């Protein structure tokens, strides 16, 4: 068996689009994804599955219907399953997402 680490900087350098997660590994029934974000995403939820956002570079916000959380470089946040959320980042931000392979987001039409 050949062992090889995953070079995160290398993986991010291959990415040009924002909000387009790339699976870089699997852990049991979970996907490990890298994604570049900038601007606002839409309101959505994850059908009861918890999801981890780990900020590697930059800073992001996650709006909820009843509040907001700011996640800075080196911090992570676990979004409770079923919570309506709207992630955003003022500047380009690099994050790792850990979520169940079966997790599928459902987008809302603007529910403000």
C-alpha atoms as a PDB file:
ATOM      1  CA  UNK A   1       0.000   0.000   0.000  1.00  0.00           C
ATOM      2  CA  UNK A   2       1.248   3.487  -0.830  1.00  0.00           C
ATOM      3  CA  UNK A   3       0.703   6.190   1.806  1.00  0.00           C
ATOM      4  CA  UNK A   4       0.390   9.808   0.733  1.00  0.00           C
ATOM      5  CA  UNK A   5      -0.738  12.926   2.534  1.00  0.00           C
ATOM      6  CA  UNK A   6      -3.231  15.344   1.005  1.00  0.00           C
ATOM      7  CA  UNK A   7      -1.661  18.729   0.283  1.00  0.00           C
ATOM      8  CA  UNK A   8      -4.495  21.174   0.989  1.00  0.00           C
ATOM      9  CA  UNK A   9      -2.779  24.187  -0.637  1.00  0.00           C
ATOM     10  CA  UNK A  10      -2.270  22.097  -3.762  1.00  0.00           C
ATOM     11  CA  UNK A  11      -5.927  21.061  -3.839  1.00  0.00           C
ATOM     12  CA  UNK A  12      -7.144  24.645  -3.379  1.00  0.00           C
ATOM     13  CA  UNK A  13      -4.822  25.858  -6.159  1.00  0.00           C
ATOM     14  CA  UNK A  14      -6.682  23.569  -8.597  1.00  0.00           C
ATOM     15  CA  UNK A  15     -10.038  25.133  -7.719  1.00  0.00           C
ATOM     16  CA  UNK A  16     -11.309  28.170  -9.616  1.00  0.00           C
ATOM     17  CA  UNK A  17     -15.048  28.279  -8.830  1.00  0.00           C
ATOM     18  CA  UNK A  18     -16.627  29.404  -5.594  1.00  0.00           C
ATOM     19  CA  UNK A  19     -19.271  27.278  -3.863  1.00  0.00           C
ATOM     20  CA  UNK A  20     -18.207  24.106  -5.725  1.00  0.00           C
ATOM     21  CA  UNK A  21     -17.072  21.583  -3.087  1.00  0.00           C
ATOM     22  CA  UNK A  22     -14.529  18.943  -4.075  1.00  0.00           C
ATOM     23  CA  UNK A  23     -14.397  15.614  -2.237  1.00  0.00           C
ATOM     24  CA  UNK A  24     -10.788  14.996  -1.143  1.00  0.00           C
ATOM     25  CA  UNK A  25     -11.364  11.988   1.078  1.00  0.00           C
ATOM     26  CA  UNK A  26     -13.806   9.678   2.781  1.00  0.00           C
ATOM     27  CA  UNK A  27     -13.971   8.699   6.436  1.00  0.00           C
ATOM     28  CA  UNK A  28     -16.392   5.869   7.154  1.00  0.00           C
ATOM     29  CA  UNK A  29     -19.744   7.274   5.965  1.00  0.00           C
ATOM     30  CA  UNK A  30     -18.495  10.866   5.716  1.00  0.00           C
ATOM     31  CA  UNK A  31     -17.112  12.971   2.869  1.00  0.00           C
ATOM     32  CA  UNK A  32     -14.284  15.425   3.496  1.00  0.00           C
ATOM     33  CA  UNK A  33     -14.683  18.325   1.081  1.00  0.00           C
ATOM     34  CA  UNK A  34     -12.726  21.460   0.280  1.00  0.00           C
ATOM     35  CA  UNK A  35     -14.475  24.540  -1.027  1.00  0.00           C
ATOM     36  CA  UNK A  36     -13.641  28.149  -1.795  1.00  0.00           C
ATOM     37  CA  UNK A  37     -16.411  30.549  -0.841  1.00  0.00           C
ATOM     38  CA  UNK A  38     -17.054  34.250  -1.444  1.00  0.00           C
ATOM     39  CA  UNK A  39     -20.292  36.199  -1.339  1.00  0.00           C
ATOM     40  CA  UNK A  40     -23.630  34.767  -0.245  1.00  0.00           C
ATOM     41  CA  UNK A  41     -25.044  31.270  -0.661  1.00  0.00           C
ATOM     42  CA  UNK A  42     -28.791  30.578  -0.576  1.00  0.00           C
ATOM     43  CA  UNK A  43     -30.936  29.549   2.385  1.00  0.00           C
ATOM     44  CA  UNK A  44     -30.965  25.753   2.713  1.00  0.00           C
ATOM     45  CA  UNK A  45     -30.975  22.860   5.187  1.00  0.00           C
ATOM     46  CA  UNK A  46     -29.475  19.382   5.351  1.00  0.00           C
ATOM     47  CA  UNK A  47     -32.350  17.013   6.094  1.00  0.00           C
ATOM     48  CA  UNK A  48     -31.378  16.300   9.690  1.00  0.00           C
ATOM     49  CA  UNK A  49     -27.646  15.638   9.084  1.00  0.00           C
ATOM     50  CA  UNK A  50     -25.095  17.585  11.126  1.00  0.00           C
ATOM     51  CA  UNK A  51     -22.335  19.247   9.100  1.00  0.00           C
ATOM     52  CA  UNK A  52     -18.886  20.560  10.127  1.00  0.00           C
ATOM     53  CA  UNK A  53     -17.433  23.782   8.703  1.00  0.00           C
ATOM     54  CA  UNK A  54     -13.695  24.161   9.402  1.00  0.00           C
ATOM     55  CA  UNK A  55     -12.188  27.472   8.225  1.00  0.00           C
ATOM     56  CA  UNK A  56      -8.634  27.017   6.918  1.00  0.00           C
ATOM     57  CA  UNK A  57      -8.143  30.553   5.515  1.00  0.00           C
ATOM     58  CA  UNK A  58     -10.296  33.648   5.902  1.00  0.00           C
ATOM     59  CA  UNK A  59     -13.538  34.135   7.771  1.00  0.00           C
ATOM     60  CA  UNK A  60     -17.158  33.205   7.166  1.00  0.00           C
ATOM     61  CA  UNK A  61     -20.612  33.807   8.610  1.00  0.00           C
ATOM     62  CA  UNK A  62     -23.495  31.406   8.856  1.00  0.00           C
ATOM     63  CA  UNK A  63     -26.889  33.039   9.259  1.00  0.00           C
ATOM     64  CA  UNK A  64     -29.696  31.104  10.896  1.00  0.00           C
ATOM     65  CA  UNK A  65     -33.328  32.155  11.163  1.00  0.00           C
ATOM     66  CA  UNK A  66     -32.701  32.983  14.839  1.00  0.00           C
ATOM     67  CA  UNK A  67     -29.071  34.151  14.887  1.00  0.00           C
ATOM     68  CA  UNK A  68     -25.627  34.105  13.334  1.00  0.00           C
ATOM     69  CA  UNK A  69     -22.183  32.578  13.937  1.00  0.00           C
ATOM     70  CA  UNK A  70     -18.806  33.908  12.766  1.00  0.00           C
ATOM     71  CA  UNK A  71     -16.098  31.313  12.077  1.00  0.00           C
ATOM     72  CA  UNK A  72     -12.506  32.503  11.690  1.00  0.00           C
ATOM     73  CA  UNK A  73      -9.313  30.794  10.506  1.00  0.00           C
ATOM     74  CA  UNK A  74      -8.516  27.801  12.689  1.00  0.00           C
ATOM     75  CA  UNK A  75     -12.076  27.522  14.029  1.00  0.00           C
ATOM     76  CA  UNK A  76     -14.813  25.054  13.267  1.00  0.00           C
ATOM     77  CA  UNK A  77     -18.544  24.977  13.811  1.00  0.00           C
ATOM     78  CA  UNK A  78     -21.003  22.085  13.756  1.00  0.00           C
ATOM     79  CA  UNK A  79     -24.264  23.049  12.070  1.00  0.00           C
ATOM     80  CA  UNK A  80     -27.107  21.082  13.666  1.00  0.00           C
ATOM     81  CA  UNK A  81     -29.016  18.935  11.203  1.00  0.00           C
ATOM     82  CA  UNK A  82     -32.221  20.412   9.875  1.00  0.00           C
ATOM     83  CA  UNK A  83     -31.196  24.008  10.674  1.00  0.00           C
ATOM     84  CA  UNK A  84     -31.956  26.491   7.936  1.00  0.00           C
ATOM     85  CA  UNK A  85     -28.702  28.248   7.142  1.00  0.00           C
ATOM     86  CA  UNK A  86     -27.179  30.770   4.803  1.00  0.00           C
ATOM     87  CA  UNK A  87     -23.352  30.739   4.661  1.00  0.00           C
ATOM     88  CA  UNK A  88     -21.429  33.757   3.379  1.00  0.00           C
ATOM     89  CA  UNK A  89     -17.943  35.262   3.213  1.00  0.00           C
ATOM     90  CA  UNK A  90     -17.019  38.852   2.444  1.00  0.00           C
ATOM     91  CA  UNK A  91     -13.595  37.828   1.070  1.00  0.00           C
ATOM     92  CA  UNK A  92     -12.351  34.577  -0.449  1.00  0.00           C
ATOM     93  CA  UNK A  93     -12.363  31.936   2.269  1.00  0.00           C
ATOM     94  CA  UNK A  94     -11.132  28.339   2.185  1.00  0.00           C
ATOM     95  CA  UNK A  95     -13.025  25.777   4.204  1.00  0.00           C
ATOM     96  CA  UNK A  96     -13.211  22.057   4.794  1.00  0.00           C
ATOM     97  CA  UNK A  97     -16.666  20.541   5.128  1.00  0.00           C
ATOM     98  CA  UNK A  98     -17.290  17.190   6.764  1.00  0.00           C
ATOM     99  CA  UNK A  99     -20.728  15.746   6.132  1.00  0.00           C
ATOM    100  CA  UNK A 100     -22.473  12.397   5.693  1.00  0.00           C
ATOM    101  CA  UNK A 101     -22.235  11.020   2.158  1.00  0.00           C
ATOM    102  CA  UNK A 102     -26.011  10.813   2.063  1.00  0.00           C
ATOM    103  CA  UNK A 103     -26.405  14.497   3.076  1.00  0.00           C
ATOM    104  CA  UNK A 104     -28.272  16.425   0.411  1.00  0.00           C
ATOM    105  CA  UNK A 105     -29.060  20.118   0.789  1.00  0.00           C
ATOM    106  CA  UNK A 106     -32.489  21.384  -0.088  1.00  0.00           C
ATOM    107  CA  UNK A 107     -32.631  25.009  -1.174  1.00  0.00           C
ATOM    108  CA  UNK A 108     -35.484  27.288  -0.244  1.00  0.00           C
ATOM    109  CA  UNK A 109     -37.070  29.964  -2.302  1.00  0.00           C
ATOM    110  CA  UNK A 110     -36.404  33.227  -0.431  1.00  0.00           C
ATOM    111  CA  UNK A 111     -38.187  32.797   2.932  1.00  0.00           C
ATOM    112  CA  UNK A 112     -37.245  36.150   4.487  1.00  0.00           C
END
